[in-house]
Amino acid sequence: MSARTLRSAGWFAAEGKTGIMHRSWLRSEGLPDDSFEGRPVIGIANSWSELTPCNTHLRELADYVKRGIWQAGGVPFEFPTTSAGEPLVRPSAMILRNLISMDLEETLRGNPLDGVVLLSGCDKTTPAYLMGAASVDLPTILLTGGPMLNGKYRGTDIGSGTSVWRLTESFRAGEITGAELAEAEGCMARSNGHCMTMGTASTMACLTEIMGAQLPGGAALPANDSRRKRLAHMTGRRIVEMVHEGLVLSQILTRTAFENAVRANAALGGSTNAVVHLLALAGRLGVHFNLDDFDELAINVPALVDLMPAGRFLMEEFAYAGGVGALVNRLTEHLDSTALTVTGRSLAENYAGEQCWNDEVIRSLDNPVKPAGSHIAVLRGNLAPAGAVIKQSAAAPDLLQHRGRARVWDRVEDYLAEADRDDCDIAADDVLVIRYAGPRGYPGMPEIANVALPKRLLRQGVRDMIRISDARMSGTSYGTVILHVAPEAAVGGPLALVHDGDVIELNVPERRLDLLVDEAELERRRSRWRPPVLAGVRRGYLRLYVDHVQGAEQGADFDFLQGNSGAPLPRQAF
C-alpha cells in the first residue's frame, strides 16, 4: 500500500510548510525518517488512570501492543483520554461515558491516524471507547484489561461487588462483626483488573468479544495472566493488518453482532447495564436496535454460565473452563456464527475446536443454570410506558408477581436514613420507589436502584423486596429491582406521580408494571407536577449533559451524537 492511500498521508506526505510542521515536531520523539513513508499510523487510546483502579495496568499492556504494531510495520502513538472508574467517581461514572466517547472521537478525527487500538477495562470505558470509535469508523480493535483474580476470604471465594452487598447486609443484620467485614474488604481485590464477577465490566468484555471487536480470548483471561500480554502483542499486529485490509468497525458491529450480543448476554446472566450501553452504541452506528430486542431476541435462550451475582463462580473459573470460545460453541444454535470479526474471519472460524473444560461453570443447553426466558425482561404499563427492565435471574421468584403499597422517596439519601432507623415502619411486602435518579434527574443515572433493605427487616431475615427506580444498579448486584423506568421522573414520567400508599402491581410473566390509580387522578397529579430544580448543573459538562441526554430506553447518549461523521481529512492547520 502506498503512502498516498493512507489517511495519515494527508499529514505526513503533505508538501511545503504543512508537511514540514507535521513531520519535524515528531522527530523530537526519536522517529526515524521511514516512519513517515507509508507506514500505517496506529493510535493506542489508553484509559489508564490511578483514579480508575481497574485500569492501572493498561500502561504496561500498551507496551506490548506497541511491540506488535512495530513488528507489523506500523507506527504506534499512545494517547490518554478521560477515564472513569465506578469505584471512585461520583455521582456515577456513567455521567462521564459520553464525555469519554467525545474525547476519543475528536482525538481520532483530528490526528493522523489510520487505525486505533482501544485499551479499556472498568465498565464505562469499554462502551465509551466503542461509541467514540464508531463515530469515526476507522479500523478499530478493542483490548480489555481482564478481570481480577478471585477474592479469597476464610476458605471461600468472594466476588467484587456481589460480596460487598452480601457482607454489608450480614453486618447490618448483626450476623458478622465490623472486624470480619474489614477482613473481607482486604481480601477482595487481590490483583490488577476489573470486577471478576459477571458485572458490567466482565459482561461488556464478553459481549464485545462475541460481537467481534476483540481477538479471541480477550474477555476472560485474568489481568495478571501472561497470555494477556501476548494477546496485546497480537492485537498490535492485527490492527496494522486491518488498516491494510480496510476493515472498519461498522463492518463488524452490524445488526447481527447486536443480536448475538443480546442472546449471549442472556446465556451469560450478564448485566442490565448492557442494555443502555448497547443501545447507545447502536445509535452511533445507525443500527436499528431497540429496548424490546433485549426481551424478544433472548426469550428462547437459557442461562448457561454459573457466575456471580446470579450464580456461584467467578471469572477465573470461566476463563479456565474455556471462556467465550466454549460458550459460543455451546450456544451455536442461538447465534449467527457467520458474523465477521476483527480477525477477518467469522465467529465460527475463530472458535473452531474450542471445548468446555468445566461443565459446572459453562453448562450445556440441556442442563442450563436457568431456563430460557429467565434473564432480562422488558416491562411496560402505565408506570413505565417507555419501558423498564428487570434481571429475573437475580430476583426472588416469589416476588415476580406482586401487588404492594408504594413507599416513595425523591432522594436516595432520605430513604437510606429511614432504612437505618430501628423504628422504621417499612413492611416486607411494600414496594420501595426511589425516583429522580435517572439520566437527567440525578444527574447521571447512578447505580443506586438496589438500595439496601431496612435494617429492621434484615434482622428479621428478609433478604429481598421489590425496588423500583429510574436509576441503574451495578452489574454485580442482585435482587428484585425494576430499573431504568422510562420516561424518568425528572421529565415528568409517571414515576413522578406516585404517592405514598398507592398500590403498584408487578407481573413479570406478563411483562407489566402498573400503578393502580385511576387515570383521572393521575391527570390531576400531572397538572400539579413541576420539574425539580437541579442543583449544581448551571455550567460546564453537567449543563451539557442535562440539556442533551436521552432517556434510558435510548441508551442515555446525547441527542446530537446519533449516527457517525466518519473520518474525513480535516482542513489544514498551517
Protein backbone atom coordinates (compact mmCIF):
# COMPACT_ATOMS: atom_id res chain seq x y z
CA MET A 1 0.00 0.00 0.00
CA SER A 2 1.35 3.39 -0.92
CA ALA A 3 1.58 6.26 1.46
CA ARG A 4 -0.97 8.22 -0.55
CA THR A 5 -3.70 5.66 0.22
CA LEU A 6 -3.29 6.02 3.98
CA ARG A 7 -5.25 8.62 5.91
CA SER A 8 -2.05 9.66 7.71
CA ALA A 9 -0.52 10.60 4.35
CA GLY A 10 -2.74 13.68 4.45
CA TRP A 11 -0.40 14.89 7.17
CA PHE A 12 2.98 13.25 6.55
CA ALA A 13 3.07 13.22 2.75
CA ALA A 14 1.98 16.85 2.54
CA GLU A 15 4.36 19.19 0.71
CA GLY A 16 5.68 22.55 1.80
CA LYS A 17 5.44 24.03 5.25
CA THR A 18 2.40 21.94 6.20
CA GLY A 19 4.26 18.64 5.80
CA ILE A 20 7.38 20.06 7.44
CA MET A 21 5.41 21.13 10.51
CA HIS A 22 3.74 17.75 10.90
CA ARG A 23 6.93 15.74 10.45
CA SER A 24 9.53 17.87 12.16
CA TRP A 25 7.92 18.04 15.56
CA LEU A 26 7.55 14.26 15.66
CA ARG A 27 11.26 13.85 15.01
CA SER A 28 11.74 15.13 18.56
CA GLU A 29 10.22 11.82 19.69
CA GLY A 30 13.07 9.97 18.00
CA LEU A 31 11.16 8.66 14.99
CA PRO A 32 13.39 7.68 12.03
CA ASP A 33 12.76 9.03 8.54
CA ASP A 34 10.95 5.96 7.26
CA SER A 35 8.27 6.43 9.91
CA PHE A 36 6.63 8.86 7.51
CA GLU A 37 6.99 6.79 4.37
CA GLY A 38 3.78 4.84 4.02
CA ARG A 39 3.68 3.04 7.36
CA PRO A 40 0.22 2.76 8.94
CA VAL A 41 -0.03 5.11 11.89
CA ILE A 42 -1.85 3.49 14.78
CA GLY A 43 -3.31 5.24 17.79
CA ILE A 44 -3.44 3.46 21.14
CA ALA A 45 -6.23 5.00 23.21
CA ASN A 46 -5.45 4.34 26.85
CA SER A 47 -7.97 4.71 29.70
CA TRP A 48 -5.17 4.21 32.24
CA SER A 49 -5.56 6.29 35.37
CA GLU A 50 -4.67 5.91 39.01
CA LEU A 51 -8.21 7.15 39.67
CA THR A 52 -9.54 4.13 37.76
CA PRO A 53 -8.18 1.20 39.81
CA CYS A 54 -9.41 -1.41 37.32
CA ASN A 55 -7.25 0.12 34.58
CA THR A 56 -3.93 0.83 36.31
CA HIS A 57 -2.12 -1.96 34.44
CA LEU A 58 -3.10 -0.71 30.99
CA ARG A 59 0.01 1.45 30.70
CA GLU A 60 2.14 -1.72 30.80
CA LEU A 61 -0.22 -3.51 28.41
CA ALA A 62 0.20 -0.67 25.90
CA ASP A 63 3.91 -1.51 25.61
CA TYR A 64 3.06 -4.97 24.32
CA VAL A 65 0.59 -3.51 21.83
CA LYS A 66 3.36 -1.21 20.56
CA ARG A 67 5.68 -4.19 20.05
CA GLY A 68 3.11 -5.81 17.82
CA ILE A 69 2.50 -2.62 15.84
CA TRP A 70 6.22 -2.05 15.19
CA GLN A 71 6.68 -5.71 14.27
CA ALA A 72 3.89 -5.49 11.70
CA GLY A 73 5.36 -2.37 10.13
CA GLY A 74 3.18 0.26 11.76
CA VAL A 75 3.99 3.34 13.82
CA PRO A 76 2.27 3.49 17.25
CA PHE A 77 1.20 6.60 19.13
CA GLU A 78 -0.24 6.09 22.60
CA PHE A 79 -2.52 8.80 23.95
CA PRO A 80 -4.62 9.27 27.08
CA THR A 81 -8.29 10.03 27.31
CA THR A 82 -10.67 10.91 30.07
CA SER A 83 -11.07 7.85 32.29
CA ALA A 84 -13.80 6.84 34.68
CA GLY A 85 -13.81 4.12 37.29
CA GLU A 86 -17.02 3.09 39.00
CA PRO A 87 -15.28 2.58 42.39
CA LEU A 88 -14.45 6.28 42.83
CA VAL A 89 -16.37 8.61 40.51
CA ARG A 90 -19.37 10.44 41.99
CA PRO A 91 -22.23 10.71 41.38
CA SER A 92 -21.64 8.00 38.78
CA ALA A 93 -19.06 7.01 36.22
CA MET A 94 -21.99 6.81 33.82
CA ILE A 95 -22.10 10.57 33.60
CA LEU A 96 -18.61 10.50 32.02
CA ARG A 97 -19.30 7.77 29.47
CA ASN A 98 -20.49 10.22 26.82
CA LEU A 99 -17.65 12.62 27.59
CA ILE A 100 -15.05 9.86 27.14
CA SER A 101 -16.62 8.95 23.82
CA MET A 102 -16.45 12.58 22.66
CA ASP A 103 -12.85 12.90 23.84
CA LEU A 104 -11.87 9.81 21.84
CA GLU A 105 -13.90 10.77 18.79
CA GLU A 106 -12.29 14.19 18.45
CA THR A 107 -8.79 12.83 19.08
CA LEU A 108 -9.21 10.23 16.36
CA ARG A 109 -10.72 12.61 13.84
CA GLY A 110 -8.21 15.41 14.34
CA ASN A 111 -4.98 13.40 14.23
CA PRO A 112 -3.01 11.48 11.55
CA LEU A 113 -4.31 8.03 12.47
CA ASP A 114 -5.08 5.13 10.17
CA GLY A 115 -6.37 2.79 12.87
CA VAL A 116 -6.79 2.56 16.61
CA VAL A 117 -6.38 0.09 19.46
CA LEU A 118 -8.72 0.71 22.40
CA LEU A 119 -7.43 -0.22 25.87
CA SER A 120 -10.32 -0.34 28.31
CA GLY A 121 -11.32 -2.10 31.50
CA CYS A 122 -13.70 -0.61 34.04
CA ASP A 123 -17.18 -0.92 32.74
CA LYS A 124 -17.93 2.53 31.26
CA THR A 125 -14.61 2.78 29.44
CA THR A 126 -15.44 -0.14 27.14
CA PRO A 127 -18.74 1.19 25.72
CA ALA A 128 -17.42 4.76 25.74
CA TYR A 129 -14.44 3.78 23.63
CA LEU A 130 -16.51 1.81 21.15
CA MET A 131 -19.03 4.66 20.91
CA GLY A 132 -16.28 7.17 20.15
CA ALA A 133 -14.53 4.90 17.68
CA ALA A 134 -17.81 4.03 15.94
CA SER A 135 -18.43 7.74 15.40
CA VAL A 136 -15.24 7.95 13.33
CA ASP A 137 -15.22 4.41 11.90
CA LEU A 138 -11.53 3.78 11.37
CA PRO A 139 -10.09 0.26 11.55
CA THR A 140 -10.52 -0.44 15.27
CA ILE A 141 -9.72 -3.25 17.67
CA LEU A 142 -10.53 -3.43 21.36
CA LEU A 143 -8.47 -4.98 24.13
CA THR A 144 -9.96 -5.10 27.61
CA GLY A 145 -7.70 -5.35 30.63
CA GLY A 146 -9.11 -8.58 32.07
CA PRO A 147 -10.69 -9.43 35.41
CA MET A 148 -9.03 -9.56 38.81
CA LEU A 149 -8.09 -12.83 40.44
CA ASN A 150 -10.73 -14.34 42.68
CA GLY A 151 -11.13 -12.80 46.10
CA LYS A 152 -10.28 -15.23 48.93
CA TYR A 153 -11.84 -14.98 52.39
CA ARG A 154 -11.75 -17.65 55.09
CA GLY A 155 -11.59 -20.53 52.67
CA THR A 156 -14.21 -19.21 50.25
CA ASP A 157 -14.19 -17.19 47.02
CA ILE A 158 -15.66 -13.72 47.27
CA GLY A 159 -16.56 -11.59 44.30
CA SER A 160 -16.24 -7.87 43.78
CA GLY A 161 -19.50 -6.02 44.23
CA THR A 162 -21.65 -9.09 44.85
CA SER A 163 -19.90 -9.97 48.09
CA VAL A 164 -19.89 -6.31 49.13
CA TRP A 165 -23.69 -6.27 49.05
CA ARG A 166 -23.99 -9.64 50.80
CA LEU A 167 -21.46 -8.93 53.51
CA THR A 168 -22.83 -5.47 54.30
CA GLU A 169 -26.31 -6.98 54.54
CA SER A 170 -24.94 -9.54 57.00
CA PHE A 171 -23.27 -6.79 59.01
CA ARG A 172 -26.41 -4.65 59.17
CA ALA A 173 -28.37 -7.74 60.18
CA GLY A 174 -25.93 -8.31 63.05
CA GLU A 175 -24.67 -11.62 61.63
CA ILE A 176 -21.00 -10.61 61.30
CA THR A 177 -18.80 -8.12 63.14
CA GLY A 178 -17.17 -4.96 61.85
CA ALA A 179 -13.77 -6.69 62.16
CA GLU A 180 -14.95 -9.54 59.95
CA LEU A 181 -16.29 -7.09 57.40
CA ALA A 182 -12.96 -5.23 57.36
CA GLU A 183 -11.07 -8.51 56.91
CA ALA A 184 -13.22 -9.40 53.92
CA GLU A 185 -12.67 -5.94 52.44
CA GLY A 186 -8.92 -6.53 52.47
CA CYS A 187 -9.29 -9.90 50.73
CA MET A 188 -11.42 -8.87 47.79
CA ALA A 189 -9.25 -7.00 45.29
CA ARG A 190 -6.06 -9.10 45.08
CA SER A 191 -4.67 -8.09 41.70
CA ASN A 192 -4.92 -5.79 38.74
CA GLY A 193 -8.08 -5.91 36.67
CA HIS A 194 -11.78 -5.18 36.67
CA CYS A 195 -14.54 -6.95 38.63
CA MET A 196 -14.25 -10.73 38.49
CA THR A 197 -17.97 -11.24 38.89
CA MET A 198 -20.24 -11.17 35.83
CA GLY A 199 -20.75 -7.49 36.47
CA THR A 200 -20.85 -4.84 33.79
CA ALA A 201 -17.11 -4.85 33.05
CA SER A 202 -16.99 -8.63 32.53
CA THR A 203 -20.29 -8.55 30.67
CA MET A 204 -19.13 -5.87 28.22
CA ALA A 205 -15.79 -7.61 27.75
CA CYS A 206 -17.51 -10.89 26.86
CA LEU A 207 -20.14 -9.26 24.65
CA THR A 208 -17.61 -7.21 22.69
CA GLU A 209 -15.57 -10.34 22.03
CA ILE A 210 -18.68 -12.15 20.82
CA MET A 211 -19.58 -9.12 18.70
CA GLY A 212 -16.19 -9.49 17.05
CA ALA A 213 -14.47 -6.36 18.36
CA GLN A 214 -11.72 -8.22 20.31
CA LEU A 215 -9.35 -11.02 19.42
CA PRO A 216 -10.44 -14.45 20.69
CA GLY A 217 -9.59 -14.86 24.35
CA GLY A 218 -9.60 -11.16 25.10
CA ALA A 219 -12.51 -11.12 27.55
CA ALA A 220 -11.89 -13.75 30.19
CA LEU A 221 -8.16 -14.16 30.80
CA PRO A 222 -7.20 -12.71 34.22
CA ALA A 223 -5.45 -9.37 34.07
CA ASN A 224 -2.26 -10.88 35.55
CA ASP A 225 -2.11 -13.86 33.17
CA SER A 226 0.95 -13.59 30.91
CA ARG A 227 -1.19 -14.69 27.98
CA ARG A 228 -2.86 -11.28 28.09
CA LYS A 229 0.48 -9.67 27.26
CA ARG A 230 0.84 -12.00 24.28
CA LEU A 231 -2.71 -11.10 23.29
CA ALA A 232 -1.77 -7.42 23.45
CA HIS A 233 1.18 -8.10 21.15
CA MET A 234 -1.06 -9.91 18.67
CA THR A 235 -3.62 -7.09 18.89
CA GLY A 236 -0.91 -4.66 17.82
CA ARG A 237 -0.03 -6.88 14.86
CA ARG A 238 -3.62 -7.32 13.81
CA ILE A 239 -4.58 -3.64 13.75
CA VAL A 240 -1.88 -2.97 11.14
CA GLU A 241 -3.29 -5.77 9.00
CA MET A 242 -6.79 -4.35 9.41
CA VAL A 243 -5.61 -0.99 8.08
CA HIS A 244 -4.15 -2.67 5.00
CA GLU A 245 -7.39 -4.64 4.56
CA GLY A 246 -9.60 -1.59 5.06
CA LEU A 247 -11.62 -3.45 7.73
CA VAL A 248 -13.55 -0.84 9.73
CA LEU A 249 -15.73 -1.06 12.82
CA SER A 250 -19.06 -0.64 11.02
CA GLN A 251 -18.39 -3.82 9.03
CA ILE A 252 -18.15 -5.75 12.29
CA LEU A 253 -20.72 -4.12 14.57
CA THR A 254 -23.74 -4.88 12.43
CA ARG A 255 -27.31 -5.70 13.43
CA THR A 256 -26.22 -9.36 13.51
CA ALA A 257 -23.49 -8.57 16.03
CA PHE A 258 -26.02 -6.85 18.30
CA GLU A 259 -28.42 -9.78 18.06
CA ASN A 260 -25.59 -12.13 19.02
CA ALA A 261 -24.76 -9.86 21.98
CA VAL A 262 -28.31 -9.88 23.34
CA ARG A 263 -28.54 -13.66 23.16
CA ALA A 264 -25.09 -14.11 24.65
CA ASN A 265 -25.96 -11.73 27.50
CA ALA A 266 -28.86 -13.99 28.42
CA ALA A 267 -26.60 -17.04 28.38
CA LEU A 268 -24.00 -15.23 30.50
CA GLY A 269 -26.52 -13.92 33.05
CA GLY A 270 -24.98 -10.57 32.19
CA SER A 271 -25.53 -7.07 33.46
CA THR A 272 -28.61 -4.93 32.86
CA ASN A 273 -26.17 -2.12 32.10
CA ALA A 274 -25.51 -3.83 28.78
CA VAL A 275 -28.94 -2.53 27.78
CA VAL A 276 -28.04 1.17 27.94
CA HIS A 277 -24.55 0.63 26.52
CA LEU A 278 -25.60 -1.44 23.51
CA LEU A 279 -28.48 0.92 22.73
CA ALA A 280 -26.09 3.88 22.78
CA LEU A 281 -23.53 2.09 20.61
CA ALA A 282 -26.18 1.08 18.08
CA GLY A 283 -27.26 4.71 17.87
CA ARG A 284 -23.73 5.76 16.89
CA LEU A 285 -23.65 3.16 14.12
CA GLY A 286 -27.14 3.77 12.79
CA VAL A 287 -28.10 0.16 13.57
CA HIS A 288 -31.83 -0.43 14.02
CA PHE A 289 -31.99 -1.76 17.55
CA ASN A 290 -34.34 -1.04 20.44
CA LEU A 291 -35.21 -1.88 24.03
CA ASP A 292 -37.68 -4.63 23.18
CA ASP A 293 -34.93 -6.56 21.38
CA PHE A 294 -33.44 -7.47 24.76
CA ASP A 295 -36.54 -9.45 25.62
CA GLU A 296 -37.68 -10.71 22.24
CA LEU A 297 -34.31 -11.91 20.94
CA ALA A 298 -33.40 -13.79 24.12
CA ILE A 299 -36.75 -15.34 25.01
CA ASN A 300 -35.55 -18.80 23.90
CA VAL A 301 -32.03 -18.56 25.35
CA PRO A 302 -31.27 -20.25 28.69
CA ALA A 303 -28.60 -19.12 31.15
CA LEU A 304 -25.54 -21.35 30.71
CA VAL A 305 -22.83 -19.56 32.72
CA ASP A 306 -22.94 -20.05 36.51
CA LEU A 307 -21.23 -16.88 37.74
CA MET A 308 -21.94 -14.36 40.48
CA PRO A 309 -24.11 -12.40 41.04
CA ALA A 310 -26.78 -14.84 39.81
CA GLY A 311 -24.60 -17.95 40.24
CA ARG A 312 -21.68 -19.45 42.13
CA PHE A 313 -18.38 -18.97 40.31
CA LEU A 314 -16.11 -16.12 39.17
CA MET A 315 -14.27 -15.11 36.01
CA GLU A 316 -11.18 -17.19 36.73
CA GLU A 317 -13.31 -20.33 36.58
CA PHE A 318 -14.99 -19.06 33.42
CA ALA A 319 -11.62 -18.49 31.74
CA TYR A 320 -10.26 -21.89 32.73
CA ALA A 321 -13.49 -23.57 31.65
CA GLY A 322 -12.92 -22.30 28.11
CA GLY A 323 -14.24 -18.75 28.29
CA VAL A 324 -16.06 -17.13 25.41
CA GLY A 325 -14.96 -19.77 22.91
CA ALA A 326 -16.57 -22.57 24.90
CA LEU A 327 -19.74 -20.54 25.39
CA VAL A 328 -20.02 -19.68 21.69
CA ASN A 329 -19.73 -23.33 20.72
CA ARG A 330 -22.37 -24.36 23.26
CA LEU A 331 -24.66 -21.57 22.09
CA THR A 332 -24.21 -22.17 18.36
CA GLU A 333 -27.89 -22.75 17.57
CA HIS A 334 -28.77 -19.36 19.07
CA LEU A 335 -26.00 -17.31 17.40
CA ASP A 336 -25.25 -16.28 13.83
CA SER A 337 -21.75 -17.71 13.70
CA THR A 338 -21.12 -16.31 10.22
CA ALA A 339 -20.70 -12.82 11.70
CA LEU A 340 -17.46 -11.07 10.74
CA THR A 341 -14.89 -10.30 13.45
CA VAL A 342 -11.68 -8.26 13.76
CA THR A 343 -9.67 -11.33 12.80
CA GLY A 344 -11.16 -11.11 9.31
CA ARG A 345 -12.76 -14.48 9.99
CA SER A 346 -16.20 -15.46 11.21
CA LEU A 347 -17.23 -16.12 14.78
CA ALA A 348 -17.39 -19.84 13.99
CA GLU A 349 -13.91 -19.85 12.47
CA ASN A 350 -12.47 -18.03 15.49
CA TYR A 351 -13.61 -20.72 17.90
CA ALA A 352 -13.50 -23.88 15.82
CA GLY A 353 -12.45 -26.76 18.07
CA GLU A 354 -12.75 -24.81 21.34
CA GLN A 355 -14.03 -27.03 24.16
CA CYS A 356 -15.57 -26.63 27.59
CA TRP A 357 -13.40 -27.95 30.42
CA ASN A 358 -15.84 -27.49 33.30
CA ASP A 359 -19.49 -28.33 32.76
CA GLU A 360 -20.46 -26.79 36.08
CA VAL A 361 -19.23 -23.34 35.10
CA ILE A 362 -20.41 -23.36 31.48
CA ARG A 363 -23.44 -25.60 31.22
CA SER A 364 -24.87 -27.31 28.16
CA LEU A 365 -28.20 -26.36 26.60
CA ASP A 366 -29.84 -29.47 28.05
CA ASN A 367 -28.61 -28.64 31.58
CA PRO A 368 -28.89 -24.85 31.96
CA VAL A 369 -28.37 -22.78 35.09
CA LYS A 370 -31.72 -21.11 34.48
CA PRO A 371 -34.38 -21.87 31.85
CA ALA A 372 -34.92 -19.92 28.65
CA GLY A 373 -36.52 -16.50 29.02
CA SER A 374 -35.42 -16.05 32.63
CA HIS A 375 -32.91 -13.24 32.24
CA ILE A 376 -33.70 -9.61 31.33
CA ALA A 377 -37.38 -8.82 30.93
CA VAL A 378 -38.67 -5.56 29.48
CA LEU A 379 -41.70 -4.28 31.40
CA ARG A 380 -44.34 -1.81 30.27
CA GLY A 381 -47.51 -0.41 31.76
CA ASN A 382 -48.83 2.90 32.97
CA LEU A 383 -45.85 3.26 35.35
CA ALA A 384 -43.30 2.61 32.58
CA PRO A 385 -44.86 3.45 29.21
CA ALA A 386 -41.45 3.72 27.54
CA GLY A 387 -40.17 0.60 29.29
CA ALA A 388 -38.28 -0.67 32.30
CA VAL A 389 -36.03 -3.68 32.83
CA ILE A 390 -35.62 -6.37 35.46
CA LYS A 391 -32.91 -9.01 35.77
CA GLN A 392 -35.10 -12.01 36.56
CA SER A 393 -32.16 -14.33 37.16
CA ALA A 394 -31.06 -12.22 40.15
CA ALA A 395 -34.56 -11.73 41.58
CA ALA A 396 -36.60 -13.67 44.13
CA PRO A 397 -39.03 -15.87 42.16
CA ASP A 398 -41.86 -15.29 44.63
CA LEU A 399 -41.72 -11.53 44.02
CA LEU A 400 -42.04 -11.63 40.23
CA GLN A 401 -45.79 -11.34 40.64
CA HIS A 402 -46.63 -8.96 43.44
CA ARG A 403 -49.02 -6.22 44.49
CA GLY A 404 -47.91 -3.89 47.27
CA ARG A 405 -48.07 -0.48 48.90
CA ALA A 406 -45.75 2.13 47.44
CA ARG A 407 -43.25 3.85 49.72
CA VAL A 408 -41.74 6.78 47.85
CA TRP A 409 -38.53 8.81 48.19
CA ASP A 410 -37.29 11.60 45.95
CA ARG A 411 -33.76 11.35 47.37
CA VAL A 412 -31.93 8.10 47.97
CA GLU A 413 -30.20 9.69 50.97
CA ASP A 414 -33.57 10.16 52.67
CA TYR A 415 -34.52 6.53 52.10
CA LEU A 416 -31.20 5.27 53.49
CA ALA A 417 -31.61 7.35 56.64
CA GLU A 418 -35.09 5.90 57.11
CA ALA A 419 -33.89 2.34 56.43
CA ASP A 420 -31.30 2.58 59.20
CA ARG A 421 -33.82 3.56 61.88
CA ASP A 422 -34.77 0.89 64.38
CA ASP A 423 -38.36 2.15 64.35
CA CYS A 424 -38.62 2.17 60.54
CA ASP A 425 -42.21 1.27 59.60
CA ILE A 426 -41.50 -0.15 56.13
CA ALA A 427 -43.13 -3.56 55.69
CA ALA A 428 -41.59 -6.51 53.85
CA ASP A 429 -44.33 -6.52 51.19
CA ASP A 430 -44.06 -2.79 50.49
CA VAL A 431 -42.73 -1.58 47.14
CA LEU A 432 -39.79 0.81 47.53
CA VAL A 433 -39.77 3.62 44.96
CA ILE A 434 -36.59 5.69 44.52
CA ARG A 435 -37.05 8.36 41.88
CA TYR A 436 -35.39 11.43 40.35
CA ALA A 437 -32.36 9.22 39.79
CA GLY A 438 -32.47 8.83 36.00
CA PRO A 439 -30.07 10.21 33.39
CA ARG A 440 -31.32 13.78 33.81
CA GLY A 441 -32.64 13.70 37.35
CA TYR A 442 -29.59 12.76 39.44
CA PRO A 443 -27.93 13.55 37.02
CA GLY A 444 -26.08 10.62 35.52
CA MET A 445 -28.32 7.62 36.30
CA PRO A 446 -26.24 6.20 39.19
CA GLU A 447 -26.15 2.61 40.39
CA ILE A 448 -28.40 3.16 43.40
CA ALA A 449 -31.54 1.27 42.44
CA ASN A 450 -30.69 -1.81 44.52
CA VAL A 451 -30.94 0.14 47.76
CA ALA A 452 -30.10 -1.66 50.97
CA LEU A 453 -33.10 -3.13 52.74
CA PRO A 454 -34.29 -1.69 56.06
CA LYS A 455 -32.06 -2.83 58.90
CA ARG A 456 -35.06 -3.89 60.98
CA LEU A 457 -36.25 -6.22 58.20
CA LEU A 458 -32.78 -7.66 57.60
CA ARG A 459 -32.65 -8.66 61.26
CA GLN A 460 -35.97 -10.43 60.75
CA GLY A 461 -34.47 -12.48 57.92
CA VAL A 462 -35.87 -10.53 54.95
CA ARG A 463 -33.38 -10.60 52.08
CA ASP A 464 -35.30 -9.19 49.12
CA MET A 465 -38.01 -6.63 48.38
CA ILE A 466 -39.33 -5.01 45.23
CA ARG A 467 -37.44 -1.84 44.46
CA ILE A 468 -38.43 0.42 41.56
CA SER A 469 -36.31 3.24 40.19
CA ASP A 470 -35.33 5.26 37.14
CA ALA A 471 -31.71 4.60 38.18
CA ARG A 472 -29.41 1.71 37.31
CA MET A 473 -27.84 -0.94 39.51
CA SER A 474 -24.36 -2.41 39.44
CA GLY A 475 -23.97 -5.46 37.25
CA THR A 476 -22.57 -7.18 40.32
CA SER A 477 -25.85 -6.67 42.21
CA TYR A 478 -28.88 -8.85 42.77
CA GLY A 479 -32.45 -8.54 43.97
CA THR A 480 -35.94 -7.89 42.63
CA VAL A 481 -35.12 -4.47 41.27
CA ILE A 482 -37.01 -2.75 38.45
CA LEU A 483 -34.60 -0.41 36.68
CA HIS A 484 -34.40 2.27 34.00
CA VAL A 485 -38.08 3.22 34.39
CA ALA A 486 -38.86 5.48 31.45
CA PRO A 487 -39.75 8.22 30.98
CA GLU A 488 -37.82 9.16 34.09
CA ALA A 489 -39.37 11.18 36.90
CA ALA A 490 -37.31 14.30 36.16
CA VAL A 491 -39.02 14.78 32.78
CA GLY A 492 -42.49 14.13 34.17
CA GLY A 493 -42.70 10.38 33.69
CA PRO A 494 -45.42 8.53 35.65
CA LEU A 495 -42.90 7.63 38.34
CA ALA A 496 -43.10 11.29 39.41
CA LEU A 497 -46.83 10.87 40.10
CA VAL A 498 -46.64 8.02 42.61
CA HIS A 499 -47.78 8.83 46.14
CA ASP A 500 -47.08 7.01 49.38
CA GLY A 501 -49.78 4.39 49.87
CA ASP A 502 -50.58 3.90 46.18
CA VAL A 503 -50.76 0.29 45.05
CA ILE A 504 -48.24 -0.94 42.48
CA GLU A 505 -48.64 -4.22 40.64
CA LEU A 506 -45.70 -6.11 39.14
CA ASN A 507 -46.34 -9.02 36.80
CA VAL A 508 -43.11 -10.12 35.17
CA PRO A 509 -44.57 -13.11 33.29
CA GLU A 510 -46.97 -10.70 31.57
CA ARG A 511 -44.27 -8.00 31.32
CA ARG A 512 -46.42 -5.47 33.21
CA LEU A 513 -45.66 -2.71 35.69
CA ASP A 514 -48.73 -0.72 36.70
CA LEU A 515 -49.75 1.97 39.15
CA LEU A 516 -53.28 1.11 40.29
CA VAL A 517 -54.56 4.67 40.34
CA ASP A 518 -57.34 5.80 38.01
CA GLU A 519 -56.42 7.98 35.08
CA ALA A 520 -58.45 10.96 36.24
CA GLU A 521 -56.48 11.12 39.49
CA LEU A 522 -53.19 10.71 37.60
CA GLU A 523 -54.18 13.58 35.33
CA ARG A 524 -54.87 15.79 38.38
CA ARG A 525 -51.45 14.93 39.78
CA ARG A 526 -49.83 15.57 36.42
CA SER A 527 -51.34 19.06 36.24
CA ARG A 528 -49.82 19.91 39.65
CA TRP A 529 -46.37 18.43 38.98
CA ARG A 530 -43.45 20.76 38.45
CA PRO A 531 -39.95 19.80 37.26
CA PRO A 532 -37.35 19.60 40.02
CA VAL A 533 -34.67 22.24 40.36
CA LEU A 534 -31.37 20.51 39.58
CA ALA A 535 -28.64 21.78 41.87
CA GLY A 536 -25.11 22.27 40.61
CA VAL A 537 -25.79 21.99 36.87
CA ARG A 538 -25.64 25.64 35.80
CA ARG A 539 -22.43 25.35 33.77
CA GLY A 540 -19.86 23.07 32.13
CA TYR A 541 -20.25 19.47 31.17
CA LEU A 542 -23.07 18.83 33.64
CA ARG A 543 -25.11 21.55 31.93
CA LEU A 544 -24.43 19.98 28.54
CA TYR A 545 -25.35 16.56 29.94
CA VAL A 546 -28.67 17.61 31.44
CA ASP A 547 -29.67 19.57 28.33
CA HIS A 548 -28.92 16.82 25.82
CA VAL A 549 -29.03 13.38 27.46
CA GLN A 550 -31.60 10.98 26.07
CA GLY A 551 -33.71 8.58 28.10
CA ALA A 552 -32.53 5.21 29.31
CA GLU A 553 -34.69 3.50 26.69
CA GLN A 554 -32.49 5.19 24.05
CA GLY A 555 -29.19 4.41 25.75
CA ALA A 556 -28.72 7.72 27.62
CA ASP A 557 -26.48 9.06 24.87
CA PHE A 558 -26.54 12.70 23.75
CA ASP A 559 -29.12 13.62 21.14
CA PHE A 560 -26.52 15.32 18.95
CA LEU A 561 -24.27 12.24 18.78
CA GLN A 562 -26.59 9.96 16.84
CA GLY A 563 -25.02 8.44 13.74
CA ASN A 564 -21.39 8.97 12.79
CA SER A 565 -19.40 11.58 10.95
CA GLY A 566 -16.66 9.35 9.60
CA ALA A 567 -13.01 10.35 9.34
CA PRO A 568 -12.64 12.87 6.53
CA LEU A 569 -9.32 14.68 6.28
CA PRO A 570 -9.57 17.83 8.42
CA ARG A 571 -8.71 21.20 6.95
CA GLN A 572 -5.03 22.09 7.10
CA ALA A 573 -3.62 23.87 10.11
CA PHE A 574 -0.69 25.69 8.51
